[in-house]
Amino acid sequence: MQKRNFTRVEFTECASVKHKDQVFFGNVKNMSLQGLFIKTDQEIPVNDPVEVTVYYSHNSSINLHANVVRREETGIGMQINRMDVLSFVHLRDVVAMQCNDQNLIMRETYKMADCIH
């Protein structure tokens, strides 16, 4: 199993996942600037690309492109490979609110710069 290099925080919100021509909903269990885990019983093969929208508050969402990196009985783990600037800012804020080390979050932000489009 790959070692996590980014701060992971608990985050329980609804998300939609688009895989090929199908869309399903699940609940986010946790997130980092690099990935997330969504609780679902849907089967998606490892390495397949997905588009994810995480809904939080009444008018905000995080939109991202990711690849499935692991499948468990309770859900799927995904690694983020692309997102827009506003979504990245929202994601960074979610992680930063739960992390006590803002310098660490800044270093992680620089590592993810290539994924922001």
N, C-alpha and C. Protein backbone atom coordinates (compact mmCIF):
# COMPACT_ATOMS: atom_id res chain seq x y z
N MET A 1 0.84 -1.18 0.00
CA MET A 1 0.00 0.00 0.00
C MET A 1 0.89 1.24 0.00
N GLN A 2 0.48 2.25 -0.78
CA GLN A 2 1.31 3.44 -0.89
C GLN A 2 1.26 4.28 0.38
N LYS A 3 2.37 4.94 0.67
CA LYS A 3 2.47 5.79 1.85
C LYS A 3 1.84 7.14 1.54
N ARG A 4 1.05 7.63 2.48
CA ARG A 4 0.42 8.93 2.30
C ARG A 4 1.40 10.03 2.65
N ASN A 5 1.50 11.02 1.77
CA ASN A 5 2.43 12.12 1.99
C ASN A 5 1.71 13.43 2.25
N PHE A 6 0.40 13.41 2.39
CA PHE A 6 -0.38 14.62 2.57
C PHE A 6 -1.28 14.48 3.80
N THR A 7 -1.54 15.60 4.43
CA THR A 7 -2.39 15.63 5.61
C THR A 7 -3.81 15.22 5.24
N ARG A 8 -4.31 14.20 5.91
CA ARG A 8 -5.66 13.69 5.64
C ARG A 8 -6.56 14.11 6.80
N VAL A 9 -7.76 14.63 6.45
CA VAL A 9 -8.70 15.09 7.48
C VAL A 9 -10.05 14.42 7.27
N GLU A 10 -10.76 14.24 8.38
CA GLU A 10 -12.12 13.71 8.30
C GLU A 10 -13.01 14.75 7.65
N PHE A 11 -13.88 14.30 6.77
CA PHE A 11 -14.76 15.21 6.06
C PHE A 11 -15.96 14.40 5.60
N THR A 12 -17.12 14.66 6.13
CA THR A 12 -18.29 13.85 5.82
C THR A 12 -19.34 14.68 5.09
N GLU A 13 -19.22 14.67 3.78
CA GLU A 13 -20.17 15.37 2.92
C GLU A 13 -20.53 14.47 1.74
N CYS A 14 -21.59 14.83 1.06
CA CYS A 14 -22.04 14.07 -0.12
C CYS A 14 -21.17 14.39 -1.33
N ALA A 15 -20.97 13.40 -2.18
CA ALA A 15 -20.21 13.59 -3.41
C ALA A 15 -20.86 12.80 -4.54
N SER A 16 -20.74 13.33 -5.74
CA SER A 16 -21.14 12.57 -6.93
C SER A 16 -19.87 12.13 -7.64
N VAL A 17 -19.92 10.93 -8.19
CA VAL A 17 -18.78 10.38 -8.92
C VAL A 17 -19.27 9.98 -10.31
N LYS A 18 -18.60 10.51 -11.33
CA LYS A 18 -18.92 10.13 -12.70
C LYS A 18 -17.84 9.18 -13.20
N HIS A 19 -18.27 7.99 -13.57
CA HIS A 19 -17.36 6.98 -14.11
C HIS A 19 -17.93 6.53 -15.45
N LYS A 20 -17.21 6.83 -16.50
CA LYS A 20 -17.70 6.58 -17.86
C LYS A 20 -19.01 7.33 -18.03
N ASP A 21 -20.11 6.64 -18.34
CA ASP A 21 -21.39 7.32 -18.54
C ASP A 21 -22.32 7.20 -17.34
N GLN A 22 -21.82 6.73 -16.21
CA GLN A 22 -22.66 6.55 -15.03
C GLN A 22 -22.28 7.55 -13.95
N VAL A 23 -23.28 8.02 -13.22
CA VAL A 23 -23.06 8.91 -12.08
C VAL A 23 -23.71 8.26 -10.87
N PHE A 24 -22.98 8.23 -9.76
CA PHE A 24 -23.54 7.73 -8.51
C PHE A 24 -23.13 8.66 -7.38
N PHE A 25 -23.80 8.51 -6.25
CA PHE A 25 -23.52 9.35 -5.09
C PHE A 25 -22.96 8.50 -3.96
N GLY A 26 -22.11 9.12 -3.17
CA GLY A 26 -21.55 8.49 -1.99
C GLY A 26 -21.24 9.55 -0.96
N ASN A 27 -20.68 9.14 0.15
CA ASN A 27 -20.30 10.08 1.20
C ASN A 27 -18.79 10.08 1.39
N VAL A 28 -18.22 11.27 1.39
CA VAL A 28 -16.78 11.39 1.62
C VAL A 28 -16.49 10.99 3.06
N LYS A 29 -15.45 10.20 3.24
CA LYS A 29 -15.00 9.82 4.59
C LYS A 29 -13.86 10.72 5.03
N ASN A 30 -12.89 10.93 4.13
CA ASN A 30 -11.76 11.80 4.45
C ASN A 30 -11.16 12.35 3.16
N MET A 31 -10.37 13.42 3.33
CA MET A 31 -9.77 14.09 2.17
C MET A 31 -8.39 14.59 2.52
N SER A 32 -7.59 14.78 1.48
CA SER A 32 -6.32 15.48 1.59
C SER A 32 -6.20 16.33 0.33
N LEU A 33 -5.12 17.08 0.21
CA LEU A 33 -4.91 17.84 -1.02
C LEU A 33 -4.62 16.92 -2.19
N GLN A 34 -4.28 15.67 -1.91
CA GLN A 34 -3.90 14.73 -2.96
C GLN A 34 -4.98 13.68 -3.26
N GLY A 35 -5.91 13.46 -2.35
CA GLY A 35 -6.87 12.40 -2.59
C GLY A 35 -8.04 12.41 -1.63
N LEU A 36 -8.92 11.43 -1.82
CA LEU A 36 -10.09 11.31 -0.96
C LEU A 36 -10.59 9.88 -0.98
N PHE A 37 -11.39 9.56 0.04
CA PHE A 37 -12.02 8.25 0.14
C PHE A 37 -13.51 8.49 0.19
N ILE A 38 -14.25 7.80 -0.69
CA ILE A 38 -15.70 7.93 -0.74
C ILE A 38 -16.32 6.60 -0.38
N LYS A 39 -17.23 6.64 0.59
CA LYS A 39 -17.95 5.44 0.99
C LYS A 39 -19.03 5.15 -0.04
N THR A 40 -18.96 3.96 -0.63
CA THR A 40 -19.92 3.54 -1.65
C THR A 40 -19.81 2.04 -1.85
N ASP A 41 -20.86 1.47 -2.39
CA ASP A 41 -20.79 0.05 -2.74
C ASP A 41 -20.57 -0.15 -4.24
N GLN A 42 -20.33 0.93 -4.96
CA GLN A 42 -20.08 0.85 -6.41
C GLN A 42 -18.72 0.23 -6.68
N GLU A 43 -18.65 -0.51 -7.75
CA GLU A 43 -17.40 -1.15 -8.17
C GLU A 43 -16.77 -0.35 -9.31
N ILE A 44 -15.60 0.21 -9.08
CA ILE A 44 -14.85 0.89 -10.13
C ILE A 44 -13.45 0.29 -10.13
N PRO A 45 -12.97 -0.14 -11.28
CA PRO A 45 -11.64 -0.74 -11.33
C PRO A 45 -10.53 0.24 -10.92
N VAL A 46 -9.53 -0.29 -10.26
CA VAL A 46 -8.35 0.50 -9.90
C VAL A 46 -7.72 1.04 -11.18
N ASN A 47 -7.25 2.26 -11.12
CA ASN A 47 -6.62 3.02 -12.21
C ASN A 47 -7.62 3.68 -13.16
N ASP A 48 -8.91 3.41 -13.02
CA ASP A 48 -9.88 4.08 -13.88
C ASP A 48 -10.04 5.55 -13.47
N PRO A 49 -10.19 6.44 -14.46
CA PRO A 49 -10.40 7.85 -14.16
C PRO A 49 -11.86 8.12 -13.78
N VAL A 50 -12.05 9.10 -12.91
CA VAL A 50 -13.38 9.52 -12.48
C VAL A 50 -13.41 11.04 -12.37
N GLU A 51 -14.60 11.59 -12.43
CA GLU A 51 -14.82 13.00 -12.14
C GLU A 51 -15.65 13.06 -10.86
N VAL A 52 -15.22 13.88 -9.92
CA VAL A 52 -15.87 13.93 -8.61
C VAL A 52 -16.30 15.35 -8.31
N THR A 53 -17.50 15.48 -7.74
CA THR A 53 -17.96 16.75 -7.20
C THR A 53 -18.32 16.52 -5.74
N VAL A 54 -17.64 17.23 -4.85
CA VAL A 54 -17.92 17.16 -3.42
C VAL A 54 -18.77 18.38 -3.07
N TYR A 55 -19.94 18.13 -2.49
CA TYR A 55 -20.86 19.21 -2.15
C TYR A 55 -20.72 19.55 -0.68
N TYR A 56 -20.49 20.81 -0.38
CA TYR A 56 -20.47 21.23 1.01
C TYR A 56 -21.03 22.64 1.09
N SER A 57 -21.60 22.98 2.18
CA SER A 57 -22.41 24.18 2.38
C SER A 57 -23.51 24.21 1.32
N HIS A 58 -24.25 25.27 1.25
CA HIS A 58 -25.40 25.30 0.35
C HIS A 58 -25.04 25.70 -1.07
N ASN A 59 -23.91 26.35 -1.25
CA ASN A 59 -23.59 26.83 -2.59
C ASN A 59 -22.14 26.61 -2.99
N SER A 60 -21.46 25.69 -2.34
CA SER A 60 -20.05 25.45 -2.66
C SER A 60 -19.83 23.98 -3.02
N SER A 61 -18.89 23.78 -3.93
CA SER A 61 -18.52 22.41 -4.29
C SER A 61 -17.04 22.39 -4.68
N ILE A 62 -16.49 21.20 -4.63
CA ILE A 62 -15.12 20.95 -5.07
C ILE A 62 -15.22 20.00 -6.25
N ASN A 63 -14.73 20.43 -7.41
CA ASN A 63 -14.79 19.63 -8.63
C ASN A 63 -13.38 19.16 -8.98
N LEU A 64 -13.22 17.86 -9.19
CA LEU A 64 -11.89 17.35 -9.46
C LEU A 64 -11.92 16.13 -10.36
N HIS A 65 -10.78 15.85 -10.95
CA HIS A 65 -10.55 14.64 -11.73
C HIS A 65 -9.56 13.79 -10.93
N ALA A 66 -9.82 12.51 -10.88
CA ALA A 66 -8.97 11.62 -10.07
C ALA A 66 -8.90 10.24 -10.72
N ASN A 67 -8.01 9.43 -10.20
CA ASN A 67 -7.93 8.02 -10.58
C ASN A 67 -8.18 7.18 -9.34
N VAL A 68 -8.91 6.09 -9.52
CA VAL A 68 -9.14 5.17 -8.41
C VAL A 68 -7.81 4.47 -8.11
N VAL A 69 -7.38 4.51 -6.86
CA VAL A 69 -6.11 3.88 -6.48
C VAL A 69 -6.31 2.67 -5.57
N ARG A 70 -7.49 2.55 -4.98
CA ARG A 70 -7.76 1.35 -4.19
C ARG A 70 -9.26 1.16 -4.02
N ARG A 71 -9.63 -0.08 -3.85
CA ARG A 71 -11.02 -0.45 -3.64
C ARG A 71 -11.10 -1.26 -2.36
N GLU A 72 -11.99 -0.86 -1.47
CA GLU A 72 -12.22 -1.59 -0.23
C GLU A 72 -13.69 -1.96 -0.15
N GLU A 73 -14.02 -2.78 0.80
CA GLU A 73 -15.41 -3.19 0.97
C GLU A 73 -16.33 -1.99 1.22
N THR A 74 -15.80 -0.97 1.88
CA THR A 74 -16.64 0.18 2.25
C THR A 74 -16.59 1.34 1.28
N GLY A 75 -15.69 1.29 0.28
CA GLY A 75 -15.63 2.42 -0.64
C GLY A 75 -14.40 2.40 -1.52
N ILE A 76 -14.12 3.58 -2.10
CA ILE A 76 -13.00 3.70 -3.04
C ILE A 76 -12.10 4.87 -2.66
N GLY A 77 -10.79 4.64 -2.79
CA GLY A 77 -9.80 5.68 -2.58
C GLY A 77 -9.36 6.23 -3.93
N MET A 78 -9.23 7.54 -4.01
CA MET A 78 -8.88 8.18 -5.27
C MET A 78 -7.74 9.15 -5.09
N GLN A 79 -6.90 9.24 -6.11
CA GLN A 79 -5.81 10.21 -6.13
C GLN A 79 -6.17 11.32 -7.11
N ILE A 80 -6.13 12.55 -6.64
CA ILE A 80 -6.48 13.71 -7.46
C ILE A 80 -5.37 13.96 -8.47
N ASN A 81 -5.77 14.21 -9.73
CA ASN A 81 -4.77 14.55 -10.73
C ASN A 81 -5.05 15.88 -11.43
N ARG A 82 -6.25 16.45 -11.21
CA ARG A 82 -6.54 17.75 -11.82
C ARG A 82 -7.76 18.39 -11.16
N MET A 83 -7.70 19.72 -10.99
CA MET A 83 -8.86 20.47 -10.50
C MET A 83 -8.68 21.93 -10.85
N ASP A 84 -9.78 22.67 -10.84
CA ASP A 84 -9.70 24.10 -11.14
C ASP A 84 -9.22 24.86 -9.90
N VAL A 85 -8.83 26.10 -10.10
CA VAL A 85 -8.25 26.91 -9.02
C VAL A 85 -9.23 27.08 -7.86
N LEU A 86 -10.47 27.43 -8.15
CA LEU A 86 -11.44 27.66 -7.09
C LEU A 86 -11.69 26.39 -6.27
N SER A 87 -11.77 25.26 -6.93
CA SER A 87 -11.94 23.99 -6.22
C SER A 87 -10.74 23.70 -5.33
N PHE A 88 -9.54 24.00 -5.84
CA PHE A 88 -8.35 23.77 -5.03
C PHE A 88 -8.37 24.66 -3.79
N VAL A 89 -8.76 25.91 -3.95
CA VAL A 89 -8.83 26.83 -2.80
C VAL A 89 -9.82 26.30 -1.77
N HIS A 90 -10.98 25.83 -2.22
CA HIS A 90 -11.97 25.26 -1.28
C HIS A 90 -11.40 24.04 -0.57
N LEU A 91 -10.75 23.15 -1.33
CA LEU A 91 -10.17 21.94 -0.74
C LEU A 91 -9.09 22.30 0.27
N ARG A 92 -8.21 23.21 -0.11
CA ARG A 92 -7.15 23.63 0.81
C ARG A 92 -7.74 24.21 2.09
N ASP A 93 -8.79 25.01 1.97
CA ASP A 93 -9.43 25.59 3.15
C ASP A 93 -10.03 24.52 4.06
N VAL A 94 -10.66 23.51 3.47
CA VAL A 94 -11.23 22.42 4.26
C VAL A 94 -10.14 21.71 5.05
N VAL A 95 -9.02 21.41 4.40
CA VAL A 95 -7.92 20.72 5.07
C VAL A 95 -7.27 21.63 6.11
N ALA A 96 -7.05 22.88 5.76
CA ALA A 96 -6.37 23.82 6.66
C ALA A 96 -7.17 24.07 7.93
N MET A 97 -8.50 24.07 7.85
CA MET A 97 -9.33 24.31 9.03
C MET A 97 -9.15 23.23 10.09
N GLN A 98 -8.75 22.03 9.67
CA GLN A 98 -8.61 20.93 10.61
C GLN A 98 -7.16 20.59 10.94
N CYS A 99 -6.24 21.33 10.37
CA CYS A 99 -4.81 21.06 10.60
C CYS A 99 -4.20 22.19 11.42
N ASN A 100 -3.40 21.82 12.39
CA ASN A 100 -2.76 22.82 13.25
C ASN A 100 -1.48 23.39 12.67
N ASP A 101 -0.97 22.80 11.61
CA ASP A 101 0.32 23.21 11.05
C ASP A 101 0.11 23.87 9.69
N GLN A 102 -0.08 25.18 9.68
CA GLN A 102 -0.34 25.90 8.44
C GLN A 102 0.87 25.89 7.50
N ASN A 103 2.07 25.81 8.04
CA ASN A 103 3.27 25.70 7.19
C ASN A 103 3.27 24.39 6.41
N LEU A 104 2.83 23.33 7.06
CA LEU A 104 2.72 22.04 6.38
C LEU A 104 1.72 22.12 5.23
N ILE A 105 0.59 22.74 5.46
CA ILE A 105 -0.41 22.89 4.40
C ILE A 105 0.15 23.71 3.24
N MET A 106 0.94 24.72 3.54
CA MET A 106 1.55 25.52 2.47
C MET A 106 2.52 24.68 1.65
N ARG A 107 3.32 23.85 2.30
CA ARG A 107 4.25 22.97 1.57
C ARG A 107 3.48 21.98 0.69
N GLU A 108 2.39 21.45 1.22
CA GLU A 108 1.57 20.52 0.45
C GLU A 108 0.91 21.23 -0.74
N THR A 109 0.56 22.50 -0.55
CA THR A 109 -0.03 23.29 -1.64
C THR A 109 0.95 23.39 -2.80
N TYR A 110 2.21 23.67 -2.51
CA TYR A 110 3.23 23.76 -3.57
C TYR A 110 3.39 22.43 -4.30
N LYS A 111 3.31 21.32 -3.58
CA LYS A 111 3.44 20.01 -4.21
C LYS A 111 2.32 19.72 -5.20
N MET A 112 1.15 20.31 -4.95
CA MET A 112 -0.02 20.04 -5.80
C MET A 112 -0.19 21.04 -6.93
N ALA A 113 0.71 21.99 -7.06
CA ALA A 113 0.56 23.07 -8.05
C ALA A 113 0.35 22.56 -9.47
N ASP A 114 0.97 21.46 -9.84
CA ASP A 114 0.84 20.93 -11.21
C ASP A 114 -0.57 20.41 -11.51
N CYS A 115 -1.35 20.12 -10.49
CA CYS A 115 -2.70 19.59 -10.69
C CYS A 115 -3.74 20.68 -10.89
N ILE A 116 -3.37 21.92 -10.64
CA ILE A 116 -4.33 23.02 -10.70
C ILE A 116 -4.38 23.57 -12.11
N HIS A 117 -5.57 23.61 -12.68
CA HIS A 117 -5.75 24.10 -14.06
C HIS A 117 -6.89 25.07 -14.12
